[in-house]
Amino acid sequence: MKKILYVSVLLFMSAAVSCANASKCGIRLSGIEREKTCEIADGYSSLEVSDAVDVLYSSSTEKVTVKADSSVIRYVKVEENGGCLKIYVSGRWTDRFAGRDIGKISVVVPASGAIGTIRLRGASDFGSDAVIVADDLAVQVSGASGFNADIEAKGHVSMSASGASDITSAVSADVLEVDASGASDVSVSGRVSSYKVGTVV
């Protein structure tokens, strides 16, 4: 009887250690969607989105609204620093989320009159409910991300897609520059004074 008890205790301890090594057994979806809002300063100039977040750039809101599973939403971070608005999932590539479905994460951000750069990576997607108006705009999309929005710029628009990413846009600008690489797809229409297209295999 003593030997059986000893073995049982060892098995229980082994399971507990294994769970701890997996960062407290990781995240499990609850199936319940939660929402949070964030106040941000007016006129951010750069937007950076990563970690499989879907963003809607909206002309009809003044706040950032985040929707995600209740087990995940606390890890969705909205940060401002030096005119840059960053949206990402804290610890996305740690054991906390490793190999796990984090569900759909959607974020609505207010349009900014000072926008100059939009960066997407890590299977993130960007859309807009209105034409993006800017002086100059750089769109950088990587890591199987997608950009689908129309642009009206006074000066220069540059677009780059890499790592199986997609860009779809109608552009009105003085100068348009497009680069695509790594099985990416860029579909652009519109009116420009001059353009340059580069493709890297």
Protein backbone atom coordinates (compact mmCIF):
# COMPACT_ATOMS: atom_id res chain seq x y z
CA MET A 1 0.00 0.00 0.00
CA LYS A 2 2.83 2.42 0.80
CA LYS A 3 4.44 1.81 -2.61
CA ILE A 4 1.18 2.50 -4.46
CA LEU A 5 0.67 5.75 -2.57
CA TYR A 6 4.23 6.82 -3.33
CA VAL A 7 3.79 6.25 -7.06
CA SER A 8 0.48 8.13 -7.10
CA VAL A 9 2.05 11.16 -5.44
CA LEU A 10 4.89 11.15 -7.97
CA LEU A 11 2.43 11.06 -10.88
CA PHE A 12 0.45 13.94 -9.44
CA MET A 13 3.57 16.03 -8.95
CA SER A 14 4.76 15.25 -12.48
CA ALA A 15 1.47 16.46 -13.94
CA ALA A 16 1.61 19.64 -11.87
CA VAL A 17 5.15 20.42 -13.01
CA SER A 18 4.20 19.77 -16.64
CA CYS A 19 1.30 22.20 -16.30
CA ALA A 20 3.54 24.85 -14.74
CA ASN A 21 6.08 24.49 -17.53
CA ALA A 22 3.32 25.25 -20.02
CA SER A 23 2.82 28.68 -18.44
CA LYS A 24 -0.05 27.64 -16.20
CA CYS A 25 -1.52 25.39 -18.92
CA GLY A 26 -1.97 28.28 -21.35
CA ILE A 27 -5.05 30.15 -22.52
CA ARG A 28 -8.35 28.40 -23.15
CA LEU A 29 -11.16 30.23 -24.91
CA SER A 30 -14.29 30.79 -22.87
CA GLY A 31 -16.56 31.32 -25.87
CA ILE A 32 -17.75 34.61 -24.34
CA GLU A 33 -16.96 37.83 -26.21
CA ARG A 34 -15.97 40.88 -24.20
CA GLU A 35 -15.48 44.51 -25.19
CA LYS A 36 -13.28 47.33 -23.89
CA THR A 37 -12.72 50.91 -25.01
CA CYS A 38 -9.62 53.09 -24.83
CA GLU A 39 -9.23 56.85 -25.08
CA ILE A 40 -6.36 58.00 -27.28
CA ALA A 41 -4.88 61.36 -28.19
CA ASP A 42 -5.96 63.04 -31.40
CA GLY A 43 -3.77 62.89 -34.47
CA TYR A 44 -1.53 59.82 -34.23
CA SER A 45 0.82 59.64 -37.22
CA SER A 46 1.69 55.94 -37.24
CA LEU A 47 -0.40 52.80 -36.74
CA GLU A 48 1.26 49.44 -36.02
CA VAL A 49 -0.82 46.26 -35.78
CA SER A 50 0.43 42.72 -35.13
CA ASP A 51 -0.47 39.29 -33.73
CA ALA A 52 -3.53 38.40 -35.85
CA VAL A 53 -5.59 41.48 -34.96
CA ASP A 54 -8.28 42.72 -37.36
CA VAL A 55 -8.50 46.53 -37.46
CA LEU A 56 -11.23 48.77 -38.84
CA TYR A 57 -10.11 52.37 -39.45
CA SER A 58 -13.26 54.39 -38.82
CA SER A 59 -14.30 57.97 -39.45
CA SER A 60 -17.30 57.59 -37.14
CA THR A 61 -15.65 56.95 -33.76
CA GLU A 62 -13.41 58.83 -31.34
CA LYS A 63 -12.37 55.86 -29.20
CA VAL A 64 -10.57 52.57 -29.72
CA THR A 65 -12.91 49.61 -29.23
CA VAL A 66 -11.53 46.11 -28.71
CA LYS A 67 -13.57 42.91 -28.95
CA ALA A 68 -12.15 39.50 -28.09
CA ASP A 69 -12.77 36.37 -26.07
CA SER A 70 -12.97 37.04 -22.33
CA SER A 71 -9.87 34.89 -21.77
CA VAL A 72 -7.84 36.88 -24.30
CA ILE A 73 -9.03 40.49 -24.15
CA ARG A 74 -6.85 41.48 -21.19
CA TYR A 75 -3.77 40.62 -23.27
CA VAL A 76 -4.79 42.86 -26.18
CA LYS A 77 -2.74 46.02 -25.74
CA VAL A 78 -3.41 49.49 -27.16
CA GLU A 79 -0.43 51.78 -26.62
CA GLU A 80 0.54 55.29 -27.71
CA ASN A 81 4.11 56.48 -27.82
CA GLY A 82 5.48 59.46 -29.70
CA GLY A 83 2.62 59.66 -32.16
CA CYS A 84 2.62 55.89 -32.79
CA LEU A 85 -0.49 53.84 -31.97
CA LYS A 86 0.43 50.18 -31.40
CA ILE A 87 -2.05 47.31 -31.13
CA TYR A 88 -0.80 43.83 -30.28
CA VAL A 89 -1.30 40.77 -28.09
CA SER A 90 1.02 40.70 -25.08
CA GLY A 91 2.96 37.42 -24.86
CA ARG A 92 1.50 36.14 -28.14
CA TRP A 93 4.56 34.03 -28.94
CA THR A 94 5.15 32.65 -25.44
CA ASP A 95 3.97 29.37 -23.90
CA ARG A 96 0.83 31.15 -22.76
CA PHE A 97 -0.57 31.02 -26.31
CA ALA A 98 1.64 28.40 -27.95
CA GLY A 99 -0.35 26.17 -30.27
CA ARG A 100 -3.66 27.60 -29.06
CA ASP A 101 -6.55 29.28 -30.82
CA ILE A 102 -6.95 32.84 -29.51
CA GLY A 103 -10.17 33.44 -31.40
CA LYS A 104 -11.11 36.55 -33.35
CA ILE A 105 -9.72 39.87 -32.14
CA SER A 106 -11.30 42.94 -33.73
CA VAL A 107 -10.37 46.55 -33.04
CA VAL A 108 -11.99 49.75 -34.28
CA VAL A 109 -9.68 52.79 -34.33
CA PRO A 110 -10.60 56.42 -35.04
CA ALA A 111 -9.32 57.89 -38.29
CA SER A 112 -6.40 60.30 -37.91
CA GLY A 113 -5.80 63.39 -40.03
CA ALA A 114 -2.07 63.06 -39.35
CA ILE A 115 -1.70 59.44 -40.46
CA GLY A 116 1.52 58.83 -42.38
CA THR A 117 2.39 55.15 -41.79
CA ILE A 118 0.40 51.94 -41.46
CA ARG A 119 2.30 48.74 -40.59
CA LEU A 120 0.67 45.32 -40.39
CA ARG A 121 2.34 42.03 -39.49
CA GLY A 122 1.65 38.62 -38.04
CA ALA A 123 -1.54 37.70 -39.94
CA SER A 124 -3.27 40.99 -39.14
CA ASP A 125 -5.91 42.62 -41.36
CA PHE A 126 -6.81 46.25 -41.99
CA GLY A 127 -9.97 47.73 -43.45
CA SER A 128 -11.59 51.15 -43.51
CA ASP A 129 -15.17 52.48 -43.60
CA ALA A 130 -14.01 55.56 -45.56
CA VAL A 131 -11.21 56.73 -47.83
CA ILE A 132 -7.94 57.26 -45.94
CA VAL A 133 -6.93 60.91 -46.39
CA ALA A 134 -3.26 61.81 -45.88
CA ASP A 135 -0.48 64.06 -47.11
CA ASP A 136 1.93 61.16 -47.70
CA LEU A 137 1.27 57.55 -46.70
CA ALA A 138 3.44 54.45 -46.35
CA VAL A 139 1.68 51.08 -46.12
CA GLN A 140 3.85 48.14 -45.02
CA VAL A 141 2.26 44.69 -44.86
CA SER A 142 4.07 41.47 -43.91
CA GLY A 143 3.62 37.99 -42.48
CA ALA A 144 0.40 36.92 -44.22
CA SER A 145 -1.39 40.17 -43.38
CA GLY A 146 -3.93 42.05 -45.48
CA PHE A 147 -4.71 45.69 -46.30
CA ASN A 148 -7.98 46.63 -48.00
CA ALA A 149 -8.71 50.36 -48.10
CA ASP A 150 -8.76 53.28 -50.53
CA ILE A 151 -6.32 56.18 -50.23
CA GLU A 152 -6.40 59.84 -51.18
CA ALA A 153 -3.01 61.53 -50.72
CA LYS A 154 -1.65 64.90 -51.74
CA GLY A 155 1.86 63.63 -52.32
CA HIS A 156 3.56 60.23 -52.17
CA VAL A 157 2.05 56.81 -51.44
CA SER A 158 4.32 53.80 -50.98
CA MET A 159 3.07 50.24 -50.56
CA SER A 160 5.09 47.14 -49.72
CA ALA A 161 3.84 43.58 -49.23
CA SER A 162 5.94 40.59 -48.18
CA GLY A 163 5.53 37.10 -46.80
CA ALA A 164 2.29 36.07 -48.55
CA SER A 165 0.50 39.32 -47.77
CA ASP A 166 -2.19 41.12 -49.78
CA ILE A 167 -2.94 44.75 -50.61
CA THR A 168 -6.11 45.90 -52.36
CA SER A 169 -6.62 49.63 -52.85
CA ALA A 170 -7.79 52.46 -55.08
CA VAL A 171 -5.23 55.27 -54.85
CA SER A 172 -5.34 58.93 -55.74
CA ALA A 173 -1.90 60.53 -55.32
CA ASP A 174 0.89 62.40 -57.02
CA VAL A 175 3.39 59.52 -56.81
CA LEU A 176 2.73 55.81 -56.19
CA GLU A 177 5.45 53.27 -55.40
CA VAL A 178 4.66 49.56 -54.99
CA ASP A 179 6.86 46.61 -53.99
CA ALA A 180 5.81 42.99 -53.56
CA SER A 181 7.78 39.90 -52.54
CA GLY A 182 7.39 36.41 -51.12
CA ALA A 183 4.16 35.25 -52.81
CA SER A 184 2.38 38.51 -51.99
CA ASP A 185 -0.37 40.05 -54.09
CA VAL A 186 -0.92 43.77 -54.68
CA SER A 187 -3.96 45.00 -56.59
CA VAL A 188 -4.06 48.79 -57.01
CA SER A 189 -6.16 51.05 -59.21
CA GLY A 190 -6.76 54.79 -59.31
CA ARG A 191 -5.14 57.99 -60.59
CA VAL A 192 -1.54 59.05 -60.06
CA SER A 193 0.89 61.36 -61.85
CA SER A 194 3.71 58.83 -61.77
CA TYR A 195 4.29 55.33 -60.44
CA LYS A 196 6.97 52.71 -59.85
CA VAL A 197 6.35 48.99 -59.43
CA GLY A 198 8.95 46.56 -58.11
CA THR A 199 8.64 42.80 -57.58
CA VAL A 200 11.12 40.67 -55.68
CA VAL A 201 10.91 36.89 -56.01
